[in-house]
Every structure is written in structure tokens, then in C-alpha cells.
Protein backbone atom coordinates (compact mmCIF):
# COMPACT_ATOMS: atom_id res chain seq x y z
CA UNK A 1 92.18 25.59 -44.13
CA UNK A 2 89.68 22.81 -44.77
CA UNK A 3 90.38 21.26 -41.37
CA UNK A 4 89.93 24.63 -39.61
CA UNK A 5 86.67 25.23 -41.43
CA UNK A 6 85.31 21.79 -40.54
CA UNK A 7 86.27 22.20 -36.87
CA UNK A 8 84.50 25.56 -36.68
CA UNK A 9 81.38 24.06 -38.27
CA UNK A 10 81.43 21.17 -35.76
CA UNK A 11 81.73 23.62 -32.85
CA UNK A 12 78.75 25.55 -34.18
CA UNK A 13 76.77 22.34 -34.40
CA UNK A 14 77.72 21.30 -30.87
CA UNK A 15 76.90 24.75 -29.46
CA UNK A 16 73.63 25.12 -31.39
CA UNK A 17 71.65 24.46 -28.16
CA UNK A 18 73.63 27.03 -26.16
CA UNK A 19 71.50 29.91 -24.76
CA UNK A 20 73.43 33.08 -23.86
CA UNK A 21 72.89 34.09 -20.22
CA UNK A 22 70.74 37.20 -19.72
CA UNK A 23 68.91 36.76 -22.99
CA UNK A 24 65.12 36.49 -23.35
CA UNK A 25 65.44 32.84 -24.23
CA UNK A 26 67.45 32.23 -21.07
CA UNK A 27 64.77 33.87 -18.87
CA UNK A 28 62.00 31.84 -20.55
CA UNK A 29 63.97 28.64 -20.05
CA UNK A 30 64.48 29.43 -16.37
CA UNK A 31 60.74 30.08 -15.89
CA UNK A 32 59.89 26.73 -17.48
CA UNK A 33 62.30 24.93 -15.14
CA UNK A 34 60.88 26.71 -12.09
CA UNK A 35 57.33 25.85 -13.10
CA UNK A 36 58.22 22.18 -13.51
CA UNK A 37 59.93 22.18 -10.09
CA UNK A 38 56.82 23.66 -8.41
CA UNK A 39 54.55 21.14 -10.09
CA UNK A 40 56.75 18.26 -8.91
CA UNK A 41 57.04 19.59 -5.35
CA UNK A 42 53.28 19.98 -4.87
CA UNK A 43 52.75 16.26 -4.50
CA UNK A 44 54.25 14.83 -1.30
CA UNK A 45 53.14 11.26 -0.64
CA UNK A 46 51.74 10.52 2.81
CA UNK A 47 53.47 7.77 4.81
CA UNK A 48 51.75 4.39 4.48
CA UNK A 49 49.78 3.49 7.61
CA UNK A 50 47.89 0.29 8.16
CA UNK A 51 44.27 0.74 9.12
CA UNK A 52 44.80 -1.26 12.29
CA UNK A 53 47.44 1.24 13.47
CA UNK A 54 45.71 4.36 12.15
CA UNK A 55 44.41 5.47 15.59
CA UNK A 56 47.82 5.03 17.22
CA UNK A 57 49.47 6.92 14.38
CA UNK A 58 47.08 9.89 14.67
CA UNK A 59 47.50 9.97 18.47
CA UNK A 60 51.28 10.01 18.10
CA UNK A 61 51.13 12.80 15.54
CA UNK A 62 48.90 14.93 17.81
CA UNK A 63 51.15 14.30 20.83
CA UNK A 64 54.26 15.34 18.93
CA UNK A 65 52.47 18.46 17.65
CA UNK A 66 51.31 19.55 21.12
CA UNK A 67 54.72 18.87 22.66
CA UNK A 68 56.37 20.92 19.96
CA UNK A 69 54.01 23.83 20.62
CA UNK A 70 54.69 23.65 24.36
CA UNK A 71 58.41 23.80 23.75
CA UNK A 72 58.12 26.70 21.31
CA UNK A 73 55.81 28.65 23.61
CA UNK A 74 52.86 28.76 21.17
CA UNK A 75 49.33 27.43 21.45
CA UNK A 76 48.48 24.02 20.01
CA UNK A 77 45.16 25.33 18.72
CA UNK A 78 46.75 28.11 16.69
CA UNK A 79 49.83 26.96 14.76
CA UNK A 80 52.34 29.71 14.09
CA UNK A 81 54.83 29.95 11.28
CA UNK A 82 56.90 32.58 13.07
CA UNK A 83 60.55 31.87 13.76
CA UNK A 84 61.13 30.34 17.17
CA UNK A 85 62.86 32.67 19.63
CA UNK A 86 65.08 31.58 22.48
CA UNK A 87 63.63 32.12 25.94
CA UNK A 88 63.95 30.92 29.50
CA UNK A 89 63.61 27.19 30.01
CA UNK A 90 60.37 26.05 31.66
CA UNK A 91 61.63 22.78 33.23
CA UNK A 92 58.20 21.16 32.92
CA UNK A 93 59.67 17.71 33.52
CA UNK A 94 60.91 18.81 36.96
CA UNK A 95 57.76 20.71 37.97
CA UNK A 96 55.59 17.77 36.97
CA UNK A 97 57.43 14.95 38.68
CA UNK A 98 56.75 13.54 42.14
CA UNK A 99 60.06 11.82 42.91
CA UNK A 100 62.95 13.74 44.48
CA UNK A 101 66.46 13.72 43.08
CA UNK A 102 69.42 13.54 45.45
CA UNK A 103 71.76 16.54 45.67
CA UNK A 104 75.31 16.21 47.02
CA UNK A 105 77.02 19.28 48.58
CA UNK A 106 80.63 20.23 49.14
CA UNK A 107 82.10 21.70 52.33
CA UNK A 108 80.78 25.15 51.34
CA UNK A 109 77.20 23.79 51.12
CA UNK A 110 77.16 24.12 47.34
CA UNK A 111 75.82 21.43 44.96
CA UNK A 112 78.51 19.31 43.29
CA UNK A 113 76.67 16.10 42.37
CA UNK A 114 75.94 13.32 42.15
CA UNK A 115 76.28 14.24 38.45
CA UNK A 116 76.97 17.43 36.56
CA UNK A 117 73.66 17.07 34.71
CA UNK A 118 71.64 17.08 37.95
CA UNK A 119 73.50 20.13 39.26
CA UNK A 120 72.79 21.96 35.99
CA UNK A 121 69.15 20.89 36.17
CA UNK A 122 68.85 22.26 39.71
CA UNK A 123 70.25 25.63 38.62
CA UNK A 124 67.81 25.84 35.71
CA UNK A 125 64.94 24.88 38.01
CA UNK A 126 65.79 27.68 40.46
CA UNK A 127 65.85 30.07 37.50
CA UNK A 128 62.22 29.19 36.71
CA UNK A 129 61.26 30.18 40.27
CA UNK A 130 62.89 33.57 39.73
CA UNK A 131 60.71 34.13 36.63
CA UNK A 132 57.53 32.95 38.36
CA UNK A 133 55.09 35.77 39.09
CA UNK A 134 53.78 34.03 42.22
CA UNK A 135 57.11 33.29 43.91
CA UNK A 136 58.88 36.45 42.66
CA UNK A 137 56.25 39.07 41.74
CA UNK A 138 57.60 42.01 39.78
CA UNK A 139 55.53 44.54 41.73
CA UNK A 140 57.80 43.90 44.73
CA UNK A 141 61.03 45.70 43.95
CA UNK A 142 63.37 44.57 46.75
CA UNK A 143 64.47 40.99 47.36
CA UNK A 144 64.32 41.40 51.16
CA UNK A 145 60.67 42.46 50.93
CA UNK A 146 59.61 39.24 49.23
CA UNK A 147 57.62 37.09 51.63
CA UNK A 148 58.02 33.91 49.60
CA UNK A 149 61.57 32.86 50.54
CA UNK A 150 60.41 29.91 52.64
CA UNK A 151 57.82 28.93 50.02
CA UNK A 152 60.49 28.74 47.32
CA UNK A 153 62.77 26.67 49.53
CA UNK A 154 59.99 24.28 50.54
CA UNK A 155 58.99 23.82 46.91
CA UNK A 156 62.64 23.12 46.00
CA UNK A 157 62.80 20.40 48.67
CA UNK A 158 59.69 18.82 47.14
CA UNK A 159 61.59 18.26 43.90
CA UNK A 160 65.07 17.55 45.28
CA UNK A 161 66.49 15.64 48.23
CA UNK A 162 68.75 18.53 49.22
CA UNK A 163 70.20 19.22 52.70
CA UNK A 164 68.78 22.18 54.62
CA UNK A 165 72.20 23.82 54.84
CA UNK A 166 71.91 24.60 51.10
CA UNK A 167 68.98 26.97 51.66
CA UNK A 168 71.18 30.07 51.69
CA UNK A 169 72.87 29.06 48.43
CA UNK A 170 69.53 28.26 46.76
CA UNK A 171 67.92 31.56 47.71
CA UNK A 172 71.02 33.47 46.65
CA UNK A 173 70.89 31.71 43.27
CA UNK A 174 67.23 32.64 42.84
CA UNK A 175 67.97 36.24 43.82
CA UNK A 176 70.70 36.57 41.18
CA UNK A 177 68.44 34.98 38.55
CA UNK A 178 65.61 37.35 39.51
CA UNK A 179 67.90 40.36 39.14
CA UNK A 180 69.13 39.13 35.76
CA UNK A 181 65.55 38.54 34.63
CA UNK A 182 64.46 42.07 35.57
CA UNK A 183 67.51 43.59 33.88
CA UNK A 184 66.61 41.70 30.71
CA UNK A 185 63.03 42.97 30.86
CA UNK A 186 64.21 46.53 31.31
CA UNK A 187 66.57 46.28 28.37
CA UNK A 188 64.09 44.64 25.97
CA UNK A 189 60.79 46.21 27.06
CA UNK A 190 61.64 49.57 28.63
CA UNK A 191 64.67 51.19 27.00
CA UNK A 192 63.66 49.92 23.57
CA UNK A 193 60.40 51.94 23.42
CA UNK A 194 59.67 55.64 23.75
CA UNK A 195 56.70 55.64 26.17
CA UNK A 196 54.66 53.45 28.49
CA UNK A 197 51.80 53.11 26.03
CA UNK A 198 54.04 51.29 23.56
CA UNK A 199 55.69 49.34 26.36
CA UNK A 200 52.35 48.06 27.61
CA UNK A 201 51.39 47.06 24.08
CA UNK A 202 54.69 45.16 23.78
CA UNK A 203 54.36 43.60 27.24
CA UNK A 204 55.92 40.12 27.50
CA UNK A 205 53.23 37.44 27.61
CA UNK A 206 54.62 35.73 30.70
CA UNK A 207 54.25 38.90 32.81
CA UNK A 208 50.80 39.90 34.06
CA UNK A 209 49.46 43.30 33.06
CA UNK A 210 49.19 44.53 36.67
CA UNK A 211 52.75 43.54 37.56
CA UNK A 212 54.23 45.00 34.40
CA UNK A 213 52.36 48.26 34.90
CA UNK A 214 53.67 48.53 38.48
CA UNK A 215 57.17 47.77 37.22
CA UNK A 216 56.98 50.55 34.63
CA UNK A 217 55.82 53.00 37.28
CA UNK A 218 58.78 52.06 39.44
CA UNK A 219 61.28 52.40 36.59
CA UNK A 220 59.86 55.87 35.86
CA UNK A 221 60.01 56.95 39.50
CA UNK A 222 62.69 58.98 41.25
CA UNK A 223 63.35 56.04 43.58
CA UNK A 224 64.58 53.94 40.68
CA UNK A 225 66.90 56.72 39.53
CA UNK A 226 68.31 57.12 43.06
CA UNK A 227 68.80 53.37 43.30
CA UNK A 228 70.64 53.39 39.97
CA UNK A 229 72.95 56.19 41.15
CA UNK A 230 73.52 54.39 44.45
CA UNK A 231 74.54 51.20 42.68
CA UNK A 232 76.95 53.17 40.50
CA UNK A 233 78.49 54.79 43.57
CA UNK A 234 78.83 51.43 45.31
CA UNK A 235 80.59 50.02 42.25
CA UNK A 236 82.99 52.96 42.20
CA UNK A 237 83.74 52.58 45.92
CA UNK A 238 84.42 48.89 45.39
CA UNK A 239 86.88 49.66 42.60
CA UNK A 240 88.64 52.25 44.76
CA UNK A 241 88.88 49.75 47.63
CA UNK A 242 90.33 47.08 45.34
CA UNK A 243 92.81 49.58 43.98
CA UNK A 244 93.92 50.48 47.52
CA UNK A 245 94.29 46.82 48.52
CA UNK A 246 96.31 46.09 45.39
CA UNK A 247 98.60 49.06 46.02
CA UNK A 248 99.22 48.05 49.63
CA UNK A 249 100.04 44.55 48.46
CA UNK A 250 102.45 45.93 45.88
CA UNK A 251 104.26 48.16 48.40
CA UNK A 252 104.90 45.24 50.75
CA UNK A 253 108.68 44.73 51.13
CA UNK A 254 108.32 40.96 50.93
CA UNK A 255 106.48 41.13 47.59
CA UNK A 256 108.84 40.57 44.66
CA UNK A 257 106.17 41.83 42.28
CA UNK A 258 106.13 45.16 44.14
CA UNK A 259 109.88 45.62 43.79
CA UNK A 260 109.56 45.48 40.01
CA UNK A 261 106.26 47.38 39.54
CA UNK A 262 105.67 49.73 42.48
CA UNK A 263 107.28 52.70 40.67
CA UNK A 264 104.83 52.37 37.79
CA UNK A 265 101.76 52.20 40.06
CA UNK A 266 100.20 55.58 41.01
CA UNK A 267 100.43 56.51 44.68
CA UNK A 268 97.30 57.58 46.59
């Protein structure tokens, strides 16, 4: 009994500083800790810079700041604390250089080298042309009606040592990127809002007001609706054609796959 009593007393002594969670004392203790943490975090020592290197240090800091703003798409004069959003690459290093990089083609006149990095860079560069309002204005709604095909190819040859036989591939790549870009604009800036007034207010900064207004008028027009229905019909016809080709291949007497599966495939 005496040992039990002494052990209980020792436990009480050891736990005398214990504060039950959720109590008033616990909340006050937490506030004191938070206040001390804020006071300690206010002071952040500046890196030591010799006076002789002070100008170089400031120039480097400004250059890093401006470069960061260029990459994030915000102005250097007005710092923003908003979260950076992913957008299309600008490829400023390619647009600003004067030397031409060599491009190697395969037998189909498609880029394959000399390295995978250069081929990827070329594809990204062509994507920037598709998003350029001068080369691919959004108030021209058909690719064939663009009068800048040769201009885009000539500009590409200024940046890359690429054979002329790759022109068809390059323009086709730009066309697909242009279509993807417009589909993205329609999804994010047309379907998302109820009317054109809101859409104009939410206009993407990289698109001029005149081009975006013309694009909205086209999307609201009957011609755009007819074009949408036509594309849907073409897709359906393509699926029907593929189905017919697959069925004919399955019904071939020399096709072992057809012998096993032709009975389960619907006849036309």
C-alpha cells in the first residue's frame, strides 16, 4: 500500500506540467508558441555581399527577377503573387537566335534527328507559330484560306537547317497545333461562359480583342454549327468505312481470325 501510494504521488509530480488538450490553458499555450514563431520568422538575414561586388549582385538579382517574370507570363514592373498557370511554351531562345540548327529527316521526310531534343524543340517551335496572331490569325477560320503558309515555312528555315521536302510535314504540324489551340480556346473561353459580354471580359491576353470578337461571332454563327455537324457526319462515315473494311477482312477465307470470329461479327 505504501509503495502504491508513493508511485501515484510520483506520477502526479511528473505530470504536474501536463496540460489537457482542448482546455483554455492549452489554447493559451498554443497562442504563445505561435506568437514566438512569428517573431522569430520576421527577421531573415540578408546574404553578405562585399561592397566591391554589390553592383554585380544587384544586376544578377534583377536579371533573375525579369527572367522569372518572362517565364511566368507576368510583367516585371508589377510582381504578382498569383499561382503560376501552365500555358503554351514561348520558345524565346529559338526565336531570338541567329544560328540555324540542323534537322535530319527519314525516308518519309519527317524529322528524326540529329537528337531527340532538337526534334522536340522543332515541334514546340512550330506550335508557337500556330498560336501567333500574325502567322495564324483567329479571324481566318479555314486553314486553306491562310495566306501565310510560305511565310511560316521561310521563318522556320531561318531557325533550322531543314530540307525543303519537309515543308509539307511542317505545315501539317502547324495546322494540327492551330486546330488544337482553337479547340482549347473554345472550351475555356466560350463554353465556360453564358454570353459574349462575359467572354470578352475573360478574353485571353495573348489574343487581340478584334480577333477574339471575330472568333466569337463565327462560333455563334450558323456556319459554325453546320461545320460541327459536318465533322460529326464525316467521323461517322469514317467509322462505318472502317467497320466495313474490318468485316471484309474477317470474312476472307485465308484469314484464320475470321474463321474463329466471323459468326460473332454483325453482317451488313
